[in-house]
Amino acid sequence: MKKKLVIELMIYIVIVGIGIVMLFMYEPKEVDIVLPKDFHIEQEGGVNDAFIPIE
């Protein structure tokens, strides 16, 4: 029973180790976002427009 537990523990340690290495080695690619020239954002209202009705 103990031998089986030790093997399972070693497998978990290897999986966690691989996950940590992959976490630090990951470098996302830069993506250029191209917006049309006539694109603009219109904001209607303001911060005080949101409310929660009290019942």
N, C-alpha and C. Protein backbone atom coordinates (compact mmCIF):
# COMPACT_ATOMS: atom_id res chain seq x y z
N MET A 1 0.83 -1.20 0.00
CA MET A 1 0.00 0.00 0.00
C MET A 1 0.87 1.26 0.00
N LYS A 2 1.94 1.29 0.77
CA LYS A 2 2.80 2.47 0.83
C LYS A 2 3.53 2.70 -0.49
N LYS A 3 3.94 1.62 -1.16
CA LYS A 3 4.64 1.76 -2.42
C LYS A 3 3.74 2.43 -3.46
N LYS A 4 2.48 2.05 -3.47
CA LYS A 4 1.51 2.63 -4.39
C LYS A 4 1.31 4.12 -4.10
N LEU A 5 1.27 4.48 -2.84
CA LEU A 5 1.09 5.87 -2.42
C LEU A 5 2.31 6.72 -2.82
N VAL A 6 3.50 6.17 -2.67
CA VAL A 6 4.72 6.89 -3.03
C VAL A 6 4.78 7.12 -4.54
N ILE A 7 4.39 6.13 -5.33
CA ILE A 7 4.39 6.27 -6.78
C ILE A 7 3.38 7.35 -7.20
N GLU A 8 2.21 7.34 -6.59
CA GLU A 8 1.20 8.35 -6.90
C GLU A 8 1.69 9.74 -6.52
N LEU A 9 2.35 9.88 -5.39
CA LEU A 9 2.90 11.15 -4.95
C LEU A 9 3.97 11.65 -5.91
N MET A 10 4.81 10.77 -6.39
CA MET A 10 5.86 11.15 -7.34
C MET A 10 5.24 11.63 -8.66
N ILE A 11 4.18 10.97 -9.10
CA ILE A 11 3.51 11.40 -10.33
C ILE A 11 2.93 12.80 -10.16
N TYR A 12 2.30 13.06 -9.02
CA TYR A 12 1.75 14.40 -8.76
C TYR A 12 2.85 15.45 -8.71
N ILE A 13 3.98 15.14 -8.12
CA ILE A 13 5.10 16.09 -8.05
C ILE A 13 5.62 16.40 -9.44
N VAL A 14 5.72 15.39 -10.30
CA VAL A 14 6.18 15.61 -11.67
C VAL A 14 5.19 16.49 -12.43
N ILE A 15 3.90 16.24 -12.29
CA ILE A 15 2.88 17.05 -12.98
C ILE A 15 2.92 18.50 -12.51
N VAL A 16 3.04 18.72 -11.21
CA VAL A 16 3.11 20.09 -10.68
C VAL A 16 4.39 20.77 -11.14
N GLY A 17 5.49 20.04 -11.17
CA GLY A 17 6.76 20.60 -11.63
C GLY A 17 6.69 21.03 -13.08
N ILE A 18 6.10 20.20 -13.93
CA ILE A 18 5.94 20.55 -15.34
C ILE A 18 5.03 21.77 -15.48
N GLY A 19 3.98 21.84 -14.69
CA GLY A 19 3.07 22.99 -14.73
C GLY A 19 3.77 24.29 -14.34
N ILE A 20 4.61 24.25 -13.32
CA ILE A 20 5.32 25.45 -12.89
C ILE A 20 6.32 25.90 -13.96
N VAL A 21 7.03 24.93 -14.56
CA VAL A 21 7.98 25.27 -15.62
C VAL A 21 7.26 25.89 -16.80
N MET A 22 6.13 25.32 -17.19
CA MET A 22 5.36 25.87 -18.31
C MET A 22 4.82 27.26 -17.99
N LEU A 23 4.46 27.50 -16.75
CA LEU A 23 3.95 28.80 -16.34
C LEU A 23 5.00 29.89 -16.52
N PHE A 24 6.25 29.60 -16.16
CA PHE A 24 7.30 30.60 -16.27
C PHE A 24 7.86 30.70 -17.68
N MET A 25 7.74 29.67 -18.50
CA MET A 25 8.29 29.68 -19.84
C MET A 25 7.32 30.28 -20.87
N TYR A 26 6.05 30.46 -20.51
CA TYR A 26 5.04 30.93 -21.46
C TYR A 26 5.24 32.39 -21.79
N GLU A 27 5.33 32.70 -23.08
CA GLU A 27 5.44 34.08 -23.54
C GLU A 27 4.37 34.31 -24.61
N PRO A 28 3.32 35.06 -24.27
CA PRO A 28 2.26 35.29 -25.26
C PRO A 28 2.75 36.13 -26.43
N LYS A 29 2.19 35.88 -27.60
CA LYS A 29 2.55 36.66 -28.79
C LYS A 29 1.83 38.00 -28.75
N GLU A 30 2.50 39.04 -29.27
CA GLU A 30 1.87 40.34 -29.34
C GLU A 30 0.93 40.37 -30.53
N VAL A 31 -0.27 40.87 -30.32
CA VAL A 31 -1.27 40.94 -31.38
C VAL A 31 -1.58 42.40 -31.66
N ASP A 32 -1.44 42.79 -32.92
CA ASP A 32 -1.77 44.16 -33.31
C ASP A 32 -3.27 44.25 -33.58
N ILE A 33 -3.91 45.22 -32.94
CA ILE A 33 -5.33 45.44 -33.12
C ILE A 33 -5.50 46.62 -34.07
N VAL A 34 -6.13 46.37 -35.20
CA VAL A 34 -6.32 47.42 -36.19
C VAL A 34 -7.77 47.89 -36.13
N LEU A 35 -7.95 49.17 -35.84
CA LEU A 35 -9.28 49.76 -35.78
C LEU A 35 -9.49 50.67 -36.98
N PRO A 36 -10.71 50.71 -37.50
CA PRO A 36 -10.97 51.65 -38.61
C PRO A 36 -10.76 53.09 -38.17
N LYS A 37 -10.44 53.98 -39.13
CA LYS A 37 -10.17 55.37 -38.79
C LYS A 37 -11.40 56.09 -38.25
N ASP A 38 -12.58 55.70 -38.70
CA ASP A 38 -13.79 56.39 -38.26
C ASP A 38 -14.39 55.77 -36.99
N PHE A 39 -13.68 54.88 -36.34
CA PHE A 39 -14.16 54.22 -35.13
C PHE A 39 -13.99 55.14 -33.93
N HIS A 40 -15.06 55.35 -33.16
CA HIS A 40 -14.96 56.12 -31.92
C HIS A 40 -15.99 55.58 -30.93
N ILE A 41 -15.74 55.82 -29.68
CA ILE A 41 -16.59 55.32 -28.62
C ILE A 41 -17.40 56.49 -28.07
N GLU A 42 -18.71 56.30 -28.03
CA GLU A 42 -19.57 57.32 -27.45
C GLU A 42 -20.08 56.81 -26.11
N GLN A 43 -19.93 57.63 -25.10
CA GLN A 43 -20.39 57.24 -23.78
C GLN A 43 -21.66 58.00 -23.46
N GLU A 44 -22.72 57.24 -23.21
CA GLU A 44 -23.98 57.85 -22.84
C GLU A 44 -24.16 57.75 -21.33
N GLY A 45 -24.55 58.81 -20.71
CA GLY A 45 -24.75 58.80 -19.28
C GLY A 45 -23.43 58.98 -18.54
N GLY A 46 -23.43 58.59 -17.30
CA GLY A 46 -22.24 58.73 -16.50
C GLY A 46 -22.20 57.69 -15.40
N VAL A 47 -21.38 57.97 -14.41
CA VAL A 47 -21.20 57.03 -13.31
C VAL A 47 -22.46 56.95 -12.46
N ASN A 48 -23.18 58.04 -12.34
CA ASN A 48 -24.36 58.09 -11.46
C ASN A 48 -25.62 57.52 -12.10
N ASP A 49 -25.54 57.02 -13.33
CA ASP A 49 -26.73 56.49 -13.99
C ASP A 49 -27.14 55.10 -13.52
N ALA A 50 -26.21 54.35 -12.95
CA ALA A 50 -26.53 53.01 -12.47
C ALA A 50 -27.14 53.11 -11.08
N PHE A 51 -28.26 52.38 -10.87
CA PHE A 51 -28.87 52.41 -9.56
C PHE A 51 -29.50 51.05 -9.27
N ILE A 52 -29.72 50.79 -8.00
CA ILE A 52 -30.36 49.56 -7.55
C ILE A 52 -31.67 49.95 -6.87
N PRO A 53 -32.80 49.47 -7.39
CA PRO A 53 -34.07 49.85 -6.76
C PRO A 53 -34.22 49.25 -5.36
N ILE A 54 -34.71 50.05 -4.44
CA ILE A 54 -34.92 49.58 -3.07
C ILE A 54 -36.38 49.19 -2.94
N GLU A 55 -36.63 47.97 -2.56
CA GLU A 55 -38.01 47.50 -2.43
C GLU A 55 -38.43 47.43 -0.99
